[in-house]
Amino acid sequence: GYGRQRGKTEVYRGAEYEVKLLPKVKLEIAVPSDIVETVIEAVARTANTGKIGDGKVFVMDLEQALRIRTGDRDSAAIAG
């Protein structure tokens, strides 16, 4: 996808073309509520380049979690 970057122009074999899709990474991280702020700070510090496209962090409540293999639920399913 692309956001405000709007892609870039490339030259290949003498022909100019516009690449509109740029590589993106999406992280989905489930953590216990007591370490949410620590995780947000770590992600922000690591991802920050100071340029457009550094990304965003959304925090949402997780109603339930289930580890299918063991049947663990909620915080037990999230833990290592």
N, C-alpha and C. Protein backbone atom coordinates (compact mmCIF):
# COMPACT_ATOMS: atom_id res chain seq x y z
N GLY A 1 0.82 -1.18 0.00
CA GLY A 1 0.00 0.00 0.00
C GLY A 1 0.86 1.24 0.00
N TYR A 2 0.21 2.36 0.08
CA TYR A 2 0.93 3.62 0.22
C TYR A 2 0.04 4.61 0.94
N GLY A 3 0.66 5.52 1.63
CA GLY A 3 -0.07 6.57 2.33
C GLY A 3 0.28 7.89 1.69
N ARG A 4 0.76 8.80 2.47
CA ARG A 4 1.12 10.12 1.96
C ARG A 4 2.34 10.09 1.07
N GLN A 5 3.12 9.00 1.13
CA GLN A 5 4.33 8.91 0.33
C GLN A 5 4.01 8.89 -1.16
N ARG A 6 2.88 8.35 -1.54
CA ARG A 6 2.41 8.30 -2.91
C ARG A 6 3.32 7.53 -3.85
N GLY A 7 4.14 6.67 -3.34
CA GLY A 7 4.99 5.86 -4.21
C GLY A 7 6.18 6.64 -4.72
N LYS A 8 6.81 6.11 -5.75
CA LYS A 8 8.00 6.76 -6.30
C LYS A 8 8.12 6.41 -7.77
N THR A 9 8.91 7.19 -8.48
CA THR A 9 9.13 6.96 -9.90
C THR A 9 10.43 6.20 -10.09
N GLU A 10 10.41 5.18 -10.90
CA GLU A 10 11.58 4.35 -11.19
C GLU A 10 11.87 4.38 -12.69
N VAL A 11 13.10 4.11 -13.04
CA VAL A 11 13.47 3.95 -14.45
C VAL A 11 13.98 2.54 -14.63
N TYR A 12 13.37 1.80 -15.56
CA TYR A 12 13.77 0.43 -15.82
C TYR A 12 13.92 0.25 -17.33
N ARG A 13 15.13 -0.11 -17.75
CA ARG A 13 15.44 -0.28 -19.17
C ARG A 13 15.02 0.92 -20.01
N GLY A 14 15.29 2.09 -19.46
CA GLY A 14 15.03 3.32 -20.18
C GLY A 14 13.61 3.83 -20.10
N ALA A 15 12.72 3.06 -19.54
CA ALA A 15 11.32 3.48 -19.41
C ALA A 15 11.05 3.92 -17.98
N GLU A 16 10.37 5.03 -17.84
CA GLU A 16 10.03 5.54 -16.52
C GLU A 16 8.65 5.03 -16.14
N TYR A 17 8.51 4.56 -14.93
CA TYR A 17 7.21 4.11 -14.45
C TYR A 17 7.06 4.46 -12.98
N GLU A 18 5.82 4.54 -12.55
CA GLU A 18 5.53 4.93 -11.18
C GLU A 18 5.15 3.70 -10.36
N VAL A 19 5.84 3.52 -9.25
CA VAL A 19 5.54 2.43 -8.33
C VAL A 19 4.67 3.02 -7.23
N LYS A 20 3.41 2.59 -7.18
CA LYS A 20 2.49 3.15 -6.20
C LYS A 20 2.45 2.34 -4.91
N LEU A 21 2.85 1.08 -4.98
CA LEU A 21 2.79 0.26 -3.79
C LEU A 21 4.16 0.23 -3.11
N LEU A 22 4.17 0.48 -1.84
CA LEU A 22 5.40 0.47 -1.05
C LEU A 22 5.28 -0.62 0.01
N PRO A 23 6.39 -1.26 0.36
CA PRO A 23 6.31 -2.31 1.36
C PRO A 23 5.88 -1.76 2.72
N LYS A 24 5.01 -2.49 3.38
CA LYS A 24 4.51 -2.10 4.70
C LYS A 24 4.63 -3.29 5.64
N VAL A 25 4.64 -3.00 6.91
CA VAL A 25 4.67 -4.03 7.93
C VAL A 25 3.54 -3.74 8.91
N LYS A 26 2.79 -4.76 9.25
CA LYS A 26 1.75 -4.61 10.26
C LYS A 26 2.07 -5.54 11.42
N LEU A 27 2.15 -4.97 12.60
CA LEU A 27 2.38 -5.76 13.81
C LEU A 27 1.10 -5.80 14.61
N GLU A 28 0.73 -6.97 15.05
CA GLU A 28 -0.38 -7.11 15.98
C GLU A 28 0.20 -7.78 17.22
N ILE A 29 0.17 -7.06 18.32
CA ILE A 29 0.82 -7.52 19.54
C ILE A 29 -0.21 -7.56 20.66
N ALA A 30 -0.37 -8.70 21.28
CA ALA A 30 -1.27 -8.84 22.43
C ALA A 30 -0.43 -8.95 23.68
N VAL A 31 -0.65 -8.03 24.61
CA VAL A 31 0.11 -8.03 25.87
C VAL A 31 -0.83 -7.76 27.03
N PRO A 32 -0.43 -8.18 28.22
CA PRO A 32 -1.23 -7.85 29.41
C PRO A 32 -1.30 -6.34 29.60
N SER A 33 -2.40 -5.87 30.15
CA SER A 33 -2.64 -4.43 30.27
C SER A 33 -1.58 -3.70 31.10
N ASP A 34 -0.92 -4.39 32.01
CA ASP A 34 0.06 -3.71 32.86
C ASP A 34 1.35 -3.35 32.12
N ILE A 35 1.57 -3.86 30.91
CA ILE A 35 2.78 -3.48 30.18
C ILE A 35 2.49 -2.78 28.85
N VAL A 36 1.24 -2.36 28.66
CA VAL A 36 0.85 -1.71 27.40
C VAL A 36 1.71 -0.47 27.14
N GLU A 37 1.85 0.40 28.10
CA GLU A 37 2.63 1.64 27.90
C GLU A 37 4.09 1.35 27.57
N THR A 38 4.66 0.35 28.21
CA THR A 38 6.05 -0.02 27.93
C THR A 38 6.20 -0.50 26.49
N VAL A 39 5.26 -1.30 26.03
CA VAL A 39 5.31 -1.81 24.66
C VAL A 39 5.12 -0.67 23.66
N ILE A 40 4.17 0.23 23.92
CA ILE A 40 3.95 1.38 23.03
C ILE A 40 5.23 2.19 22.90
N GLU A 41 5.87 2.50 24.02
CA GLU A 41 7.10 3.29 24.00
C GLU A 41 8.20 2.58 23.23
N ALA A 42 8.33 1.26 23.41
CA ALA A 42 9.37 0.50 22.71
C ALA A 42 9.13 0.50 21.20
N VAL A 43 7.89 0.31 20.78
CA VAL A 43 7.57 0.30 19.36
C VAL A 43 7.81 1.68 18.76
N ALA A 44 7.35 2.73 19.44
CA ALA A 44 7.52 4.09 18.95
C ALA A 44 8.99 4.47 18.83
N ARG A 45 9.77 4.12 19.83
CA ARG A 45 11.21 4.43 19.83
C ARG A 45 11.92 3.70 18.69
N THR A 46 11.56 2.45 18.46
CA THR A 46 12.23 1.64 17.45
C THR A 46 11.81 2.02 16.03
N ALA A 47 10.54 2.35 15.84
CA ALA A 47 10.02 2.62 14.50
C ALA A 47 10.23 4.06 14.04
N ASN A 48 10.58 4.95 14.94
CA ASN A 48 10.68 6.37 14.61
C ASN A 48 11.91 6.68 13.77
N THR A 49 11.65 7.13 12.52
CA THR A 49 12.74 7.61 11.66
C THR A 49 12.64 9.11 11.47
N GLY A 50 11.49 9.69 11.88
CA GLY A 50 11.27 11.11 11.68
C GLY A 50 10.74 11.44 10.29
N LYS A 51 10.44 10.42 9.50
CA LYS A 51 9.95 10.63 8.14
C LYS A 51 8.50 10.19 8.03
N ILE A 52 7.84 10.69 6.99
CA ILE A 52 6.46 10.27 6.72
C ILE A 52 6.45 8.75 6.53
N GLY A 53 5.47 8.10 7.12
CA GLY A 53 5.36 6.65 6.96
C GLY A 53 5.86 5.84 8.13
N ASP A 54 6.27 6.52 9.21
CA ASP A 54 6.72 5.78 10.39
C ASP A 54 5.64 4.90 10.97
N GLY A 55 4.40 5.27 10.78
CA GLY A 55 3.29 4.42 11.21
C GLY A 55 2.49 5.00 12.34
N LYS A 56 1.60 4.17 12.84
CA LYS A 56 0.70 4.55 13.93
C LYS A 56 0.59 3.37 14.89
N VAL A 57 0.19 3.66 16.10
CA VAL A 57 -0.07 2.62 17.09
C VAL A 57 -1.52 2.77 17.53
N PHE A 58 -2.27 1.69 17.44
CA PHE A 58 -3.65 1.66 17.92
C PHE A 58 -3.70 0.70 19.10
N VAL A 59 -4.38 1.09 20.15
CA VAL A 59 -4.52 0.23 21.33
C VAL A 59 -5.99 -0.11 21.49
N MET A 60 -6.26 -1.41 21.56
CA MET A 60 -7.64 -1.88 21.69
C MET A 60 -7.72 -2.92 22.80
N ASP A 61 -8.88 -2.97 23.42
CA ASP A 61 -9.11 -4.01 24.42
C ASP A 61 -9.28 -5.35 23.70
N LEU A 62 -8.76 -6.37 24.32
CA LEU A 62 -8.89 -7.72 23.79
C LEU A 62 -9.86 -8.45 24.71
N GLU A 63 -11.02 -8.76 24.19
CA GLU A 63 -12.06 -9.37 25.02
C GLU A 63 -11.71 -10.78 25.46
N GLN A 64 -11.21 -11.58 24.54
CA GLN A 64 -10.86 -12.97 24.85
C GLN A 64 -9.68 -13.38 24.01
N ALA A 65 -8.96 -14.37 24.51
CA ALA A 65 -7.89 -14.99 23.75
C ALA A 65 -7.96 -16.49 24.01
N LEU A 66 -7.62 -17.27 23.00
CA LEU A 66 -7.62 -18.72 23.13
C LEU A 66 -6.40 -19.28 22.41
N ARG A 67 -5.60 -20.05 23.11
CA ARG A 67 -4.51 -20.79 22.48
C ARG A 67 -5.10 -22.14 22.08
N ILE A 68 -5.25 -22.34 20.80
CA ILE A 68 -5.97 -23.51 20.29
C ILE A 68 -5.32 -24.81 20.73
N ARG A 69 -4.00 -24.91 20.65
CA ARG A 69 -3.30 -26.17 20.95
C ARG A 69 -3.56 -26.65 22.37
N THR A 70 -3.53 -25.73 23.34
CA THR A 70 -3.63 -26.15 24.75
C THR A 70 -4.99 -25.86 25.38
N GLY A 71 -5.76 -24.99 24.74
CA GLY A 71 -7.02 -24.60 25.35
C GLY A 71 -6.88 -23.47 26.35
N ASP A 72 -5.65 -22.96 26.54
CA ASP A 72 -5.46 -21.85 27.46
C ASP A 72 -6.28 -20.64 27.02
N ARG A 73 -6.78 -19.91 27.99
CA ARG A 73 -7.61 -18.74 27.68
C ARG A 73 -7.04 -17.49 28.32
N ASP A 74 -7.37 -16.37 27.69
CA ASP A 74 -7.08 -15.03 28.19
C ASP A 74 -5.60 -14.84 28.49
N SER A 75 -5.22 -14.39 29.69
CA SER A 75 -3.82 -14.06 29.96
C SER A 75 -2.91 -15.29 29.83
N ALA A 76 -3.42 -16.46 30.14
CA ALA A 76 -2.60 -17.69 29.98
C ALA A 76 -2.33 -17.97 28.52
N ALA A 77 -3.25 -17.59 27.63
CA ALA A 77 -3.06 -17.80 26.19
C ALA A 77 -2.06 -16.80 25.61
N ILE A 78 -1.98 -15.63 26.21
CA ILE A 78 -1.08 -14.58 25.72
C ILE A 78 0.35 -14.81 26.18
N ALA A 79 0.52 -15.28 27.40
CA ALA A 79 1.86 -15.46 27.98
C ALA A 79 2.66 -16.48 27.17
N GLY A 80 3.95 -16.20 27.05
CA GLY A 80 4.93 -17.02 26.34
C GLY A 80 4.54 -18.40 26.11
